[in-house]
Structure formats: structure tokens, C-alpha cells
Amino acid sequence: MYDLGITIEPARESAPLQGIGVANPALVHLQNQMDSLSLALSRSREKTERQFAAIRRRVDSLIVENQRLKQLVFQSPYAELSTPRIRYTKKEGERFFEKGQAAYLAKNYPIAIDYFQKSIESDLPGAQIGDAYFWIGNCYIYLKDEYLALEYLKKVVEYPLCENLDDALFLTAVTYRKLGDKKMAAIFLKRLLRRFPEGQMAKLADLELKRLGTMD
């Protein structure tokens, strides 16, 4: 063919074969785009994985912080009644109850609440646990938190052998009356009179009922 001046070259539509010939520019451009997209996808995946790992670390950190804050709440004397606490022995409960009474007499009401709360979470007899609820209610009254006081005072009725049950019923009624709820005050006064018709608080309950009747 050389004698005729004709040379044979690979078709331009074909990709280079072992470095021989010329590739189709469109195919080369397409291949470059594919390589670029593949690289971008790889980098995006790595970035996403790093971001996900950072988010996962943040979530784990928040979980740990949440557990720490819960422990602080559980240790607070102002925690909710349903707050789970450590279970103490009867002997420990008696010691906490005595310390609570001492703190109450010293007018150190937050400390008294803490000790009485611990005695509640012990193996003390039900009657004494009812007393602890009663004294916590008294503490909150002195701390000017009547609504929280009512929550504890109303728990006393769950312990019918509690020595302070009649006092708790009367104090609950008086607290409701101070809050302007005459209906609830009357309910607890009548409950007191039915439960302790001859008790020491009966006369006071009767006078309080009459007082409610004269209120606007």
C-alpha cells in the first residue's frame, strides 16, 4: 500500500489500543466525567461518614450527660414522689428519720426533707413511713410551697396506722383553705370527722368547717 501512498490507521471511534491510534474525544470526555463523579462520590461518602461519626459521638455525649443529670435529680430532696432511689435498711431508715426530726426542730427544712425522704426509701414500717410523709409536708409548708406540701400530706392517708394521720388530714384541709379551695378543704375535714370523731383534732375540724361556712 505504501507504493500507492495509502496508510491504514485505526478508526477514530475506537479507543487507543496499546498507545497506538487516536481516541474519540467524546469518549475521553465522558470517561473523565465518570472519573470525576466517582471521585466526588467517594469524597462525599467519606465526608458523610465523618459527619455521621461526629453526630454519633455527640449523641453518646448527650446520653452520658442525661444520665448524669438524672442522678443529680434523684439525689435532690425536691425530686418527684415517684423518683426511684436507693433502698435503705430499716436501721438506716431509723437513723435518717431521727436526723430528719433533729433538722426539723432546728428549722433546717431542706435538710430535714432529705433525711425524711431517705427514711421513706427504707424498710421502715408503714406507720413510720406515713409519719415521714407528714413531716415532709410540714417542711414544704414552712418553705412556702403549699402545692408540694399537699402532695406529701395526701400520701399519709395510704398509711392508716400512722400516728399523725388525723393531723395530716387537718393540715391538708387548712392548706386547701389557704389556697382558696373551700370544697377540697371541706372534704378533708369531713373525712377527719368520720375517721376520728372522738379524736383530739375533731373539735378543731368542726370549728374549721363552721369557718368555711361563713366564708364568702
N, C-alpha and C. Protein backbone atom coordinates (compact mmCIF):
# COMPACT_ATOMS: atom_id res chain seq x y z
N MET A 1 0.81 -1.20 0.00
CA MET A 1 0.00 0.00 0.00
C MET A 1 0.85 1.27 0.00
N TYR A 2 2.06 1.13 0.53
CA TYR A 2 2.91 2.29 0.57
C TYR A 2 3.22 2.82 -0.82
N ASP A 3 3.32 1.91 -1.78
CA ASP A 3 3.63 2.34 -3.14
C ASP A 3 2.53 3.23 -3.67
N LEU A 4 1.31 3.05 -3.22
CA LEU A 4 0.19 3.85 -3.69
C LEU A 4 -0.03 5.09 -2.85
N GLY A 5 0.79 5.28 -1.81
CA GLY A 5 0.66 6.45 -0.94
C GLY A 5 -0.48 6.35 0.03
N ILE A 6 -0.91 5.12 0.33
CA ILE A 6 -2.05 4.92 1.24
C ILE A 6 -1.54 4.35 2.54
N THR A 7 -1.99 4.97 3.68
CA THR A 7 -1.64 4.43 5.00
C THR A 7 -2.92 4.02 5.70
N ILE A 8 -2.86 2.99 6.50
CA ILE A 8 -4.03 2.47 7.24
C ILE A 8 -3.88 2.82 8.71
N GLU A 9 -4.86 3.56 9.28
CA GLU A 9 -4.85 3.95 10.69
C GLU A 9 -6.08 3.37 11.37
N PRO A 10 -6.02 3.16 12.71
CA PRO A 10 -7.22 2.68 13.44
C PRO A 10 -8.34 3.70 13.34
N ALA A 11 -9.56 3.21 13.40
CA ALA A 11 -10.73 4.11 13.32
C ALA A 11 -10.73 5.07 14.50
N ARG A 12 -11.11 6.35 14.25
CA ARG A 12 -11.08 7.37 15.29
C ARG A 12 -12.16 7.11 16.35
N GLU A 13 -13.17 6.28 16.02
CA GLU A 13 -14.20 5.98 17.01
C GLU A 13 -13.72 5.01 18.07
N SER A 14 -12.57 4.40 17.84
CA SER A 14 -12.07 3.39 18.78
C SER A 14 -11.12 4.03 19.76
N ALA A 15 -11.09 3.50 20.95
CA ALA A 15 -10.14 3.96 21.96
C ALA A 15 -8.75 3.49 21.60
N PRO A 16 -7.71 4.18 22.05
CA PRO A 16 -6.34 3.79 21.72
C PRO A 16 -6.06 2.37 22.17
N LEU A 17 -5.38 1.62 21.36
CA LEU A 17 -5.01 0.25 21.69
C LEU A 17 -3.51 0.17 21.83
N GLN A 18 -3.07 -0.02 23.09
CA GLN A 18 -1.64 -0.13 23.41
C GLN A 18 -0.88 1.07 22.90
N GLY A 19 -1.51 2.27 23.05
CA GLY A 19 -0.81 3.51 22.72
C GLY A 19 -0.79 3.83 21.26
N ILE A 20 -1.50 3.03 20.46
CA ILE A 20 -1.47 3.26 19.02
C ILE A 20 -2.79 3.88 18.58
N GLY A 21 -2.80 4.89 17.80
CA GLY A 21 -4.00 5.48 17.26
C GLY A 21 -4.48 6.65 18.10
N VAL A 22 -5.62 7.24 17.70
CA VAL A 22 -6.18 8.42 18.36
C VAL A 22 -7.56 8.08 18.90
N ALA A 23 -7.84 8.38 20.24
CA ALA A 23 -9.13 8.08 20.85
C ALA A 23 -10.18 9.10 20.43
N ASN A 24 -11.43 8.69 20.51
CA ASN A 24 -12.54 9.58 20.23
C ASN A 24 -12.63 10.60 21.36
N PRO A 25 -12.53 11.91 21.10
CA PRO A 25 -12.55 12.94 22.16
C PRO A 25 -13.80 12.88 23.02
N ALA A 26 -14.93 12.52 22.40
CA ALA A 26 -16.18 12.45 23.16
C ALA A 26 -16.11 11.35 24.21
N LEU A 27 -15.52 10.21 23.83
CA LEU A 27 -15.39 9.10 24.78
C LEU A 27 -14.43 9.46 25.91
N VAL A 28 -13.36 10.16 25.57
CA VAL A 28 -12.39 10.57 26.59
C VAL A 28 -13.04 11.54 27.58
N HIS A 29 -13.83 12.49 27.05
CA HIS A 29 -14.51 13.47 27.90
C HIS A 29 -15.50 12.78 28.83
N LEU A 30 -16.21 11.79 28.26
CA LEU A 30 -17.19 11.05 29.06
C LEU A 30 -16.49 10.28 30.18
N GLN A 31 -15.36 9.66 29.81
CA GLN A 31 -14.61 8.89 30.81
C GLN A 31 -14.09 9.81 31.91
N ASN A 32 -13.64 11.01 31.54
CA ASN A 32 -13.16 11.97 32.54
C ASN A 32 -14.29 12.39 33.48
N GLN A 33 -15.47 12.60 32.91
CA GLN A 33 -16.61 12.97 33.74
C GLN A 33 -16.96 11.87 34.72
N MET A 34 -16.92 10.63 34.23
CA MET A 34 -17.22 9.48 35.09
C MET A 34 -16.20 9.37 36.22
N ASP A 35 -14.93 9.59 35.90
CA ASP A 35 -13.88 9.54 36.91
C ASP A 35 -14.08 10.64 37.95
N SER A 36 -14.47 11.85 37.47
CA SER A 36 -14.68 12.98 38.38
C SER A 36 -15.86 12.70 39.31
N LEU A 37 -16.95 12.16 38.71
CA LEU A 37 -18.12 11.84 39.54
C LEU A 37 -17.80 10.76 40.55
N SER A 38 -17.04 9.78 40.14
CA SER A 38 -16.66 8.70 41.05
C SER A 38 -15.83 9.24 42.22
N LEU A 39 -14.89 10.15 41.89
CA LEU A 39 -14.06 10.76 42.93
C LEU A 39 -14.89 11.61 43.87
N ALA A 40 -15.83 12.40 43.28
CA ALA A 40 -16.69 13.25 44.10
C ALA A 40 -17.57 12.42 45.02
N LEU A 41 -18.09 11.30 44.48
CA LEU A 41 -18.93 10.41 45.28
C LEU A 41 -18.14 9.81 46.43
N SER A 42 -16.91 9.42 46.13
CA SER A 42 -16.05 8.84 47.17
C SER A 42 -15.77 9.85 48.27
N ARG A 43 -15.45 11.10 47.86
CA ARG A 43 -15.19 12.15 48.84
C ARG A 43 -16.44 12.48 49.64
N SER A 44 -17.61 12.50 48.95
CA SER A 44 -18.86 12.79 49.64
C SER A 44 -19.17 11.71 50.66
N ARG A 45 -18.91 10.45 50.30
CA ARG A 45 -19.15 9.35 51.22
C ARG A 45 -18.25 9.46 52.45
N GLU A 46 -17.00 9.80 52.23
CA GLU A 46 -16.07 9.97 53.35
C GLU A 46 -16.51 11.11 54.26
N LYS A 47 -16.96 12.23 53.63
CA LYS A 47 -17.42 13.38 54.40
C LYS A 47 -18.66 13.02 55.21
N THR A 48 -19.59 12.29 54.57
CA THR A 48 -20.81 11.87 55.26
C THR A 48 -20.49 10.96 56.42
N GLU A 49 -19.56 10.05 56.22
CA GLU A 49 -19.17 9.12 57.29
C GLU A 49 -18.55 9.89 58.45
N ARG A 50 -17.73 10.91 58.14
CA ARG A 50 -17.13 11.72 59.20
C ARG A 50 -18.20 12.49 59.96
N GLN A 51 -19.17 13.06 59.20
CA GLN A 51 -20.24 13.81 59.84
C GLN A 51 -21.11 12.89 60.71
N PHE A 52 -21.39 11.69 60.20
CA PHE A 52 -22.19 10.74 60.97
C PHE A 52 -21.46 10.33 62.24
N ALA A 53 -20.14 10.12 62.11
CA ALA A 53 -19.35 9.74 63.29
C ALA A 53 -19.36 10.86 64.34
N ALA A 54 -19.29 12.12 63.85
CA ALA A 54 -19.33 13.26 64.77
C ALA A 54 -20.68 13.35 65.46
N ILE A 55 -21.76 13.12 64.67
CA ILE A 55 -23.10 13.14 65.26
C ILE A 55 -23.25 12.02 66.28
N ARG A 56 -22.73 10.85 65.96
CA ARG A 56 -22.82 9.70 66.87
C ARG A 56 -22.09 10.00 68.18
N ARG A 57 -20.92 10.63 68.07
CA ARG A 57 -20.17 10.99 69.28
C ARG A 57 -20.95 12.01 70.11
N ARG A 58 -21.62 12.96 69.42
CA ARG A 58 -22.41 13.98 70.13
C ARG A 58 -23.59 13.34 70.85
N VAL A 59 -24.26 12.41 70.16
CA VAL A 59 -25.39 11.71 70.77
C VAL A 59 -24.94 10.92 72.00
N ASP A 60 -23.82 10.22 71.86
CA ASP A 60 -23.30 9.46 73.00
C ASP A 60 -22.98 10.38 74.17
N SER A 61 -22.42 11.55 73.85
CA SER A 61 -22.09 12.52 74.89
C SER A 61 -23.34 13.02 75.59
N LEU A 62 -24.41 13.27 74.79
CA LEU A 62 -25.67 13.74 75.38
C LEU A 62 -26.31 12.67 76.24
N ILE A 63 -26.18 11.41 75.83
CA ILE A 63 -26.73 10.31 76.64
C ILE A 63 -26.05 10.25 77.99
N VAL A 64 -24.71 10.37 77.98
CA VAL A 64 -23.95 10.35 79.23
C VAL A 64 -24.34 11.53 80.11
N GLU A 65 -24.49 12.72 79.50
CA GLU A 65 -24.86 13.91 80.26
C GLU A 65 -26.27 13.78 80.84
N ASN A 66 -27.16 13.18 80.05
CA ASN A 66 -28.53 12.97 80.53
C ASN A 66 -28.55 12.05 81.74
N GLN A 67 -27.76 10.99 81.69
CA GLN A 67 -27.69 10.07 82.84
C GLN A 67 -27.12 10.77 84.06
N ARG A 68 -26.13 11.64 83.84
CA ARG A 68 -25.53 12.37 84.96
C ARG A 68 -26.56 13.30 85.61
N LEU A 69 -27.31 14.02 84.77
CA LEU A 69 -28.31 14.94 85.30
C LEU A 69 -29.43 14.19 86.02
N LYS A 70 -29.79 13.01 85.52
CA LYS A 70 -30.82 12.22 86.19
C LYS A 70 -30.36 11.83 87.59
N GLN A 71 -29.08 11.46 87.70
CA GLN A 71 -28.57 11.10 89.02
C GLN A 71 -28.62 12.28 89.97
N LEU A 72 -28.36 13.48 89.45
CA LEU A 72 -28.43 14.67 90.30
C LEU A 72 -29.86 14.92 90.75
N VAL A 73 -30.82 14.70 89.85
CA VAL A 73 -32.22 14.89 90.21
C VAL A 73 -32.64 13.88 91.27
N PHE A 74 -32.18 12.63 91.11
CA PHE A 74 -32.56 11.60 92.06
C PHE A 74 -32.02 11.90 93.45
N GLN A 75 -30.92 12.64 93.52
CA GLN A 75 -30.34 12.97 94.81
C GLN A 75 -30.98 14.21 95.43
N SER A 76 -31.80 14.91 94.68
CA SER A 76 -32.39 16.15 95.17
C SER A 76 -33.54 15.87 96.11
N PRO A 77 -33.63 16.61 97.22
CA PRO A 77 -34.76 16.43 98.13
C PRO A 77 -36.07 16.93 97.53
N TYR A 78 -35.98 17.65 96.41
CA TYR A 78 -37.17 18.17 95.76
C TYR A 78 -37.61 17.31 94.58
N ALA A 79 -37.08 16.10 94.48
CA ALA A 79 -37.45 15.22 93.38
C ALA A 79 -38.90 14.77 93.52
N GLU A 80 -39.48 14.28 92.42
CA GLU A 80 -40.86 13.83 92.44
C GLU A 80 -41.02 12.62 93.36
N LEU A 81 -42.26 12.40 93.77
CA LEU A 81 -42.53 11.29 94.68
C LEU A 81 -42.19 9.94 94.04
N SER A 82 -42.32 9.86 92.73
CA SER A 82 -42.10 8.60 92.03
C SER A 82 -40.64 8.35 91.68
N THR A 83 -39.75 9.25 92.09
CA THR A 83 -38.35 9.12 91.74
C THR A 83 -37.73 7.87 92.37
N PRO A 84 -37.12 7.00 91.56
CA PRO A 84 -36.50 5.81 92.13
C PRO A 84 -35.27 6.19 92.94
N ARG A 85 -35.09 5.56 94.09
CA ARG A 85 -33.95 5.86 94.95
C ARG A 85 -33.34 4.56 95.46
N ILE A 86 -32.21 4.73 96.13
CA ILE A 86 -31.55 3.58 96.74
C ILE A 86 -32.42 3.06 97.88
N ARG A 87 -32.51 1.76 98.01
CA ARG A 87 -33.29 1.16 99.10
C ARG A 87 -32.38 1.01 100.31
N TYR A 88 -32.80 1.60 101.44
CA TYR A 88 -32.02 1.54 102.66
C TYR A 88 -32.60 0.50 103.62
N THR A 89 -31.78 0.06 104.56
CA THR A 89 -32.22 -0.91 105.55
C THR A 89 -33.09 -0.23 106.60
N LYS A 90 -33.75 -1.02 107.42
CA LYS A 90 -34.59 -0.47 108.48
C LYS A 90 -33.76 0.35 109.46
N LYS A 91 -32.59 -0.15 109.80
CA LYS A 91 -31.72 0.56 110.73
C LYS A 91 -31.29 1.90 110.16
N GLU A 92 -30.93 1.91 108.89
CA GLU A 92 -30.56 3.17 108.24
C GLU A 92 -31.76 4.12 108.19
N GLY A 93 -32.96 3.56 107.92
CA GLY A 93 -34.16 4.38 107.88
C GLY A 93 -34.45 5.04 109.21
N GLU A 94 -34.26 4.31 110.30
CA GLU A 94 -34.49 4.87 111.64
C GLU A 94 -33.51 6.01 111.91
N ARG A 95 -32.27 5.81 111.49
CA ARG A 95 -31.26 6.86 111.69
C ARG A 95 -31.60 8.11 110.87
N PHE A 96 -32.04 7.91 109.63
CA PHE A 96 -32.42 9.05 108.80
C PHE A 96 -33.63 9.77 109.39
N PHE A 97 -34.59 9.01 109.91
CA PHE A 97 -35.78 9.62 110.50
C PHE A 97 -35.41 10.49 111.70
N GLU A 98 -34.53 9.99 112.55
CA GLU A 98 -34.10 10.77 113.71
C GLU A 98 -33.37 12.04 113.29
N LYS A 99 -32.53 11.93 112.27
CA LYS A 99 -31.81 13.11 111.79
C LYS A 99 -32.79 14.10 111.14
N GLY A 100 -33.80 13.59 110.50
CA GLY A 100 -34.81 14.46 109.92
C GLY A 100 -35.56 15.24 110.98
N GLN A 101 -35.91 14.57 112.08
CA GLN A 101 -36.59 15.25 113.17
C GLN A 101 -35.70 16.32 113.79
N ALA A 102 -34.43 16.00 113.95
CA ALA A 102 -33.50 16.97 114.53
C ALA A 102 -33.37 18.20 113.62
N ALA A 103 -33.28 17.97 112.31
CA ALA A 103 -33.16 19.08 111.36
C ALA A 103 -34.46 19.89 111.34
N TYR A 104 -35.59 19.23 111.48
CA TYR A 104 -36.88 19.94 111.50
C TYR A 104 -36.96 20.86 112.72
N LEU A 105 -36.57 20.33 113.89
CA LEU A 105 -36.60 21.14 115.11
C LEU A 105 -35.64 22.32 115.01
N ALA A 106 -34.55 22.13 114.25
CA ALA A 106 -33.57 23.20 114.06
C ALA A 106 -34.00 24.16 112.94
N LYS A 107 -35.19 23.91 112.34
CA LYS A 107 -35.75 24.71 111.26
C LYS A 107 -34.90 24.67 109.99
N ASN A 108 -34.14 23.59 109.86
CA ASN A 108 -33.34 23.39 108.64
C ASN A 108 -34.17 22.47 107.73
N TYR A 109 -35.19 23.04 107.12
CA TYR A 109 -36.19 22.24 106.44
C TYR A 109 -35.69 21.50 105.20
N PRO A 110 -34.85 22.08 104.35
CA PRO A 110 -34.35 21.30 103.20
C PRO A 110 -33.59 20.06 103.63
N ILE A 111 -32.76 20.18 104.68
CA ILE A 111 -32.03 19.02 105.17
C ILE A 111 -32.99 18.01 105.77
N ALA A 112 -33.99 18.49 106.50
CA ALA A 112 -34.99 17.59 107.08
C ALA A 112 -35.71 16.80 105.98
N ILE A 113 -36.07 17.48 104.91
CA ILE A 113 -36.76 16.82 103.79
C ILE A 113 -35.89 15.70 103.23
N ASP A 114 -34.63 15.97 103.08
CA ASP A 114 -33.71 14.97 102.52
C ASP A 114 -33.65 13.73 103.40
N TYR A 115 -33.54 13.92 104.72
CA TYR A 115 -33.47 12.78 105.63
C TYR A 115 -34.79 12.01 105.67
N PHE A 116 -35.90 12.73 105.73
CA PHE A 116 -37.19 12.05 105.76
C PHE A 116 -37.44 11.28 104.46
N GLN A 117 -37.01 11.86 103.34
CA GLN A 117 -37.17 11.18 102.06
C GLN A 117 -36.37 9.89 102.03
N LYS A 118 -35.18 9.91 102.57
CA LYS A 118 -34.37 8.70 102.63
C LYS A 118 -35.00 7.65 103.54
N SER A 119 -35.62 8.11 104.62
CA SER A 119 -36.29 7.15 105.51
C SER A 119 -37.48 6.49 104.81
N ILE A 120 -38.14 7.23 103.91
CA ILE A 120 -39.24 6.66 103.15
C ILE A 120 -38.74 5.55 102.24
N GLU A 121 -37.55 5.72 101.71
CA GLU A 121 -36.97 4.72 100.81
C GLU A 121 -36.21 3.65 101.59
N SER A 122 -36.69 3.32 102.75
CA SER A 122 -36.06 2.29 103.56
C SER A 122 -37.09 1.23 103.93
N ASP A 123 -36.67 0.27 104.73
CA ASP A 123 -37.56 -0.82 105.15
C ASP A 123 -38.25 -0.53 106.47
N LEU A 124 -38.52 0.73 106.74
CA LEU A 124 -39.25 1.10 107.95
C LEU A 124 -40.69 0.60 107.87
N PRO A 125 -41.36 0.39 109.00
CA PRO A 125 -42.78 0.02 108.99
C PRO A 125 -43.62 1.10 108.32
N GLY A 126 -44.76 0.71 107.77
CA GLY A 126 -45.60 1.65 107.06
C GLY A 126 -46.04 2.84 107.89
N ALA A 127 -46.32 2.61 109.18
CA ALA A 127 -46.76 3.70 110.04
C ALA A 127 -45.72 4.81 110.12
N GLN A 128 -44.45 4.41 110.22
CA GLN A 128 -43.39 5.41 110.34
C GLN A 128 -43.14 6.10 108.99
N ILE A 129 -43.33 5.37 107.92
CA ILE A 129 -43.19 5.99 106.59
C ILE A 129 -44.27 7.05 106.41
N GLY A 130 -45.49 6.76 106.89
CA GLY A 130 -46.55 7.76 106.84
C GLY A 130 -46.18 9.00 107.61
N ASP A 131 -45.54 8.81 108.78
CA ASP A 131 -45.08 9.96 109.57
C ASP A 131 -44.05 10.78 108.79
N ALA A 132 -43.17 10.09 108.05
CA ALA A 132 -42.16 10.80 107.27
C ALA A 132 -42.81 11.68 106.21
N TYR A 133 -43.85 11.14 105.54
CA TYR A 133 -44.59 11.95 104.56
C TYR A 133 -45.21 13.17 105.23
N PHE A 134 -45.75 12.97 106.44
CA PHE A 134 -46.37 14.07 107.17
C PHE A 134 -45.36 15.18 107.46
N TRP A 135 -44.18 14.81 107.94
CA TRP A 135 -43.18 15.82 108.29
C TRP A 135 -42.62 16.51 107.06
N ILE A 136 -42.51 15.80 105.96
CA ILE A 136 -42.07 16.44 104.71
C ILE A 136 -43.10 17.49 104.28
N GLY A 137 -44.39 17.13 104.40
CA GLY A 137 -45.45 18.09 104.08
C GLY A 137 -45.34 19.34 104.94
N ASN A 138 -45.07 19.16 106.23
CA ASN A 138 -44.87 20.30 107.13
C ASN A 138 -43.70 21.17 106.68
N CYS A 139 -42.63 20.51 106.29
CA CYS A 139 -41.44 21.25 105.84
C CYS A 139 -41.76 22.13 104.64
N TYR A 140 -42.50 21.59 103.69
CA TYR A 140 -42.81 22.37 102.50
C TYR A 140 -43.77 23.53 102.81
N ILE A 141 -44.60 23.36 103.81
CA ILE A 141 -45.45 24.49 104.23
C ILE A 141 -44.58 25.63 104.74
N TYR A 142 -43.59 25.30 105.55
CA TYR A 142 -42.68 26.33 106.05
C TYR A 142 -41.84 26.93 104.93
N LEU A 143 -41.62 26.14 103.87
CA LEU A 143 -40.86 26.63 102.72
C LEU A 143 -41.74 27.36 101.72
N LYS A 144 -43.02 27.57 102.10
CA LYS A 144 -43.97 28.33 101.27
C LYS A 144 -44.28 27.63 99.95
N ASP A 145 -44.22 26.32 99.95
CA ASP A 145 -44.60 25.56 98.75
C ASP A 145 -45.79 24.69 99.10
N GLU A 146 -46.97 25.33 99.19
CA GLU A 146 -48.16 24.63 99.66
C GLU A 146 -48.59 23.50 98.72
N TYR A 147 -48.43 23.69 97.43
CA TYR A 147 -48.88 22.66 96.49
C TYR A 147 -48.06 21.38 96.64
N LEU A 148 -46.76 21.53 96.79
CA LEU A 148 -45.93 20.34 97.00
C LEU A 148 -46.21 19.74 98.38
N ALA A 149 -46.49 20.59 99.35
CA ALA A 149 -46.84 20.10 100.69
C ALA A 149 -48.07 19.21 100.61
N LEU A 150 -49.06 19.61 99.83
CA LEU A 150 -50.27 18.80 99.69
C LEU A 150 -49.99 17.44 99.09
N GLU A 151 -49.07 17.38 98.15
CA GLU A 151 -48.74 16.10 97.53
C GLU A 151 -48.23 15.10 98.56
N TYR A 152 -47.45 15.58 99.52
CA TYR A 152 -46.92 14.70 100.56
C TYR A 152 -47.95 14.42 101.65
N LEU A 153 -48.69 15.43 102.04
CA LEU A 153 -49.69 15.24 103.09
C LEU A 153 -50.76 14.24 102.66
N LYS A 154 -51.15 14.28 101.40
CA LYS A 154 -52.17 13.35 100.92
C LYS A 154 -51.67 11.92 100.83
N LYS A 155 -50.36 11.73 100.83
CA LYS A 155 -49.80 10.38 100.83
C LYS A 155 -49.97 9.70 102.19
N VAL A 156 -50.14 10.49 103.23
CA VAL A 156 -50.23 9.94 104.59
C VAL A 156 -51.44 9.02 104.72
N VAL A 157 -52.53 9.32 104.03
CA VAL A 157 -53.75 8.51 104.16
C VAL A 157 -53.54 7.08 103.66
N GLU A 158 -52.47 6.84 102.92
CA GLU A 158 -52.17 5.49 102.46
C GLU A 158 -51.61 4.62 103.58
N TYR A 159 -51.35 5.25 104.74
CA TYR A 159 -50.79 4.52 105.89
C TYR A 159 -51.73 4.73 107.08
N PRO A 160 -52.81 3.94 107.17
CA PRO A 160 -53.84 4.15 108.19
C PRO A 160 -53.36 4.01 109.63
N LEU A 161 -52.22 3.37 109.86
CA LEU A 161 -51.71 3.21 111.21
C LEU A 161 -50.77 4.35 111.62
N CYS A 162 -50.61 5.32 110.73
CA CYS A 162 -49.73 6.46 111.03
C CYS A 162 -50.28 7.26 112.20
N GLU A 163 -49.43 7.60 113.14
CA GLU A 163 -49.86 8.34 114.33
C GLU A 163 -50.32 9.76 113.99
N ASN A 164 -49.81 10.29 112.90
CA ASN A 164 -50.13 11.68 112.53
C ASN A 164 -51.20 11.76 111.45
N LEU A 165 -51.98 10.70 111.27
CA LEU A 165 -52.98 10.70 110.21
C LEU A 165 -54.03 11.80 110.41
N ASP A 166 -54.52 11.95 111.64
CA ASP A 166 -55.53 12.99 111.88
C ASP A 166 -54.94 14.39 111.69
N ASP A 167 -53.69 14.57 112.12
CA ASP A 167 -53.03 15.86 111.91
C ASP A 167 -52.84 16.15 110.42
N ALA A 168 -52.50 15.08 109.68
CA ALA A 168 -52.28 15.25 108.25
C ALA A 168 -53.58 15.65 107.55
N LEU A 169 -54.70 15.03 107.92
CA LEU A 169 -55.98 15.38 107.32
C LEU A 169 -56.35 16.82 107.63
N PHE A 170 -56.13 17.22 108.86
CA PHE A 170 -56.47 18.59 109.26
C PHE A 170 -55.57 19.60 108.54
N LEU A 171 -54.27 19.32 108.49
CA LEU A 171 -53.34 20.24 107.84
C LEU A 171 -53.61 20.33 106.34
N THR A 172 -54.02 19.21 105.75
CA THR A 172 -54.37 19.23 104.33
C THR A 172 -55.56 20.15 104.09
N ALA A 173 -56.56 20.04 104.94
CA ALA A 173 -57.75 20.88 104.82
C ALA A 173 -57.40 22.36 104.98
N VAL A 174 -56.61 22.67 105.99
CA VAL A 174 -56.23 24.06 106.24
C VAL A 174 -55.43 24.62 105.06
N THR A 175 -54.57 23.80 104.51
CA THR A 175 -53.76 24.26 103.37
C THR A 175 -54.63 24.54 102.15
N TYR A 176 -55.60 23.66 101.90
CA TYR A 176 -56.54 23.91 100.81
C TYR A 176 -57.33 25.20 101.04
N ARG A 177 -57.73 25.42 102.30
CA ARG A 177 -58.48 26.63 102.61
C ARG A 177 -57.63 27.88 102.35
N LYS A 178 -56.35 27.83 102.71
CA LYS A 178 -55.45 28.96 102.46
C LYS A 178 -55.27 29.22 100.97
N LEU A 179 -55.37 28.16 100.19
CA LEU A 179 -55.23 28.30 98.74
C LEU A 179 -56.54 28.70 98.08
N GLY A 180 -57.60 28.85 98.90
CA GLY A 180 -58.88 29.29 98.37
C GLY A 180 -59.78 28.19 97.86
N ASP A 181 -59.39 26.91 98.12
CA ASP A 181 -60.21 25.79 97.65
C ASP A 181 -61.05 25.28 98.83
N LYS A 182 -62.19 25.91 99.06
CA LYS A 182 -63.05 25.54 100.19
C LYS A 182 -63.64 24.14 100.02
N LYS A 183 -63.93 23.76 98.80
CA LYS A 183 -64.54 22.45 98.55
C LYS A 183 -63.61 21.33 99.01
N MET A 184 -62.35 21.39 98.60
CA MET A 184 -61.39 20.35 98.99
C MET A 184 -61.12 20.41 100.49
N ALA A 185 -61.10 21.61 101.05
CA ALA A 185 -60.89 21.75 102.49
C ALA A 185 -61.99 21.05 103.25
N ALA A 186 -63.24 21.24 102.83
CA ALA A 186 -64.38 20.61 103.50
C ALA A 186 -64.33 19.09 103.37
N ILE A 187 -63.90 18.59 102.21
CA ILE A 187 -63.81 17.14 102.01
C ILE A 187 -62.87 16.51 103.03
N PHE A 188 -61.72 17.12 103.25
CA PHE A 188 -60.75 16.53 104.17
C PHE A 188 -61.17 16.72 105.63
N LEU A 189 -61.86 17.80 105.93
CA LEU A 189 -62.36 17.99 107.30
C LEU A 189 -63.43 16.95 107.63
N LYS A 190 -64.32 16.70 106.70
CA LYS A 190 -65.35 15.69 106.91
C LYS A 190 -64.75 14.29 107.00
N ARG A 191 -63.73 14.05 106.21
CA ARG A 191 -63.05 12.76 106.29
C ARG A 191 -62.40 12.59 107.66
N LEU A 192 -61.84 13.66 108.18
CA LEU A 192 -61.24 13.62 109.52
C LEU A 192 -62.30 13.31 110.58
N LEU A 193 -63.45 13.94 110.49
CA LEU A 193 -64.51 13.73 111.48
C LEU A 193 -65.07 12.31 111.41
N ARG A 194 -65.15 11.75 110.21
CA ARG A 194 -65.62 10.37 110.09
C ARG A 194 -64.61 9.38 110.64
N ARG A 195 -63.35 9.66 110.39
CA ARG A 195 -62.29 8.72 110.80
C ARG A 195 -61.96 8.86 112.28
N PHE A 196 -61.99 10.08 112.80
CA PHE A 196 -61.62 10.31 114.20
C PHE A 196 -62.70 11.19 114.88
N PRO A 197 -63.90 10.68 115.03
CA PRO A 197 -64.98 11.51 115.61
C PRO A 197 -64.71 11.93 117.05
N GLU A 198 -63.92 11.16 117.77
CA GLU A 198 -63.62 11.47 119.17
C GLU A 198 -62.16 11.88 119.36
N GLY A 199 -61.46 12.09 118.27
CA GLY A 199 -60.04 12.42 118.36
C GLY A 199 -59.79 13.85 118.78
N GLN A 200 -58.52 14.15 119.05
CA GLN A 200 -58.13 15.49 119.51
C GLN A 200 -58.37 16.55 118.44
N MET A 201 -58.32 16.15 117.17
CA MET A 201 -58.47 17.13 116.10
C MET A 201 -59.93 17.33 115.69
N ALA A 202 -60.85 16.54 116.28
CA ALA A 202 -62.25 16.61 115.87
C ALA A 202 -62.85 17.99 116.14
N LYS A 203 -62.61 18.54 117.32
CA LYS A 203 -63.16 19.85 117.66
C LYS A 203 -62.62 20.93 116.73
N LEU A 204 -61.33 20.85 116.44
CA LEU A 204 -60.73 21.84 115.53
C LEU A 204 -61.32 21.71 114.13
N ALA A 205 -61.55 20.45 113.72
CA ALA A 205 -62.12 20.22 112.39
C ALA A 205 -63.53 20.79 112.32
N ASP A 206 -64.31 20.61 113.39
CA ASP A 206 -65.67 21.14 113.42
C ASP A 206 -65.67 22.67 113.34
N LEU A 207 -64.77 23.30 114.10
CA LEU A 207 -64.66 24.76 114.06
C LEU A 207 -64.23 25.24 112.67
N GLU A 208 -63.33 24.49 112.05
CA GLU A 208 -62.85 24.88 110.72
C GLU A 208 -63.98 24.77 109.69
N LEU A 209 -64.83 23.75 109.84
CA LEU A 209 -65.97 23.61 108.93
C LEU A 209 -66.93 24.80 109.07
N LYS A 210 -67.16 25.19 110.31
CA LYS A 210 -68.04 26.34 110.54
C LYS A 210 -67.41 27.61 109.94
N ARG A 211 -66.10 27.70 110.05
CA ARG A 211 -65.40 28.86 109.48
C ARG A 211 -65.56 28.89 107.97
N LEU A 212 -65.49 27.73 107.36
CA LEU A 212 -65.67 27.66 105.91
C LEU A 212 -67.09 28.09 105.52
N GLY A 213 -68.07 27.76 106.38
CA GLY A 213 -69.45 28.12 106.09
C GLY A 213 -69.70 29.60 106.13
N THR A 214 -68.87 30.33 106.87
CA THR A 214 -69.03 31.78 106.98
C THR A 214 -68.21 32.55 105.95
N MET A 215 -67.37 31.80 105.21
CA MET A 215 -66.54 32.47 104.20
C MET A 215 -67.35 32.74 102.95
N ASP A 216 -67.02 33.83 102.28
CA ASP A 216 -67.72 34.17 101.03
C ASP A 216 -67.41 33.13 99.96
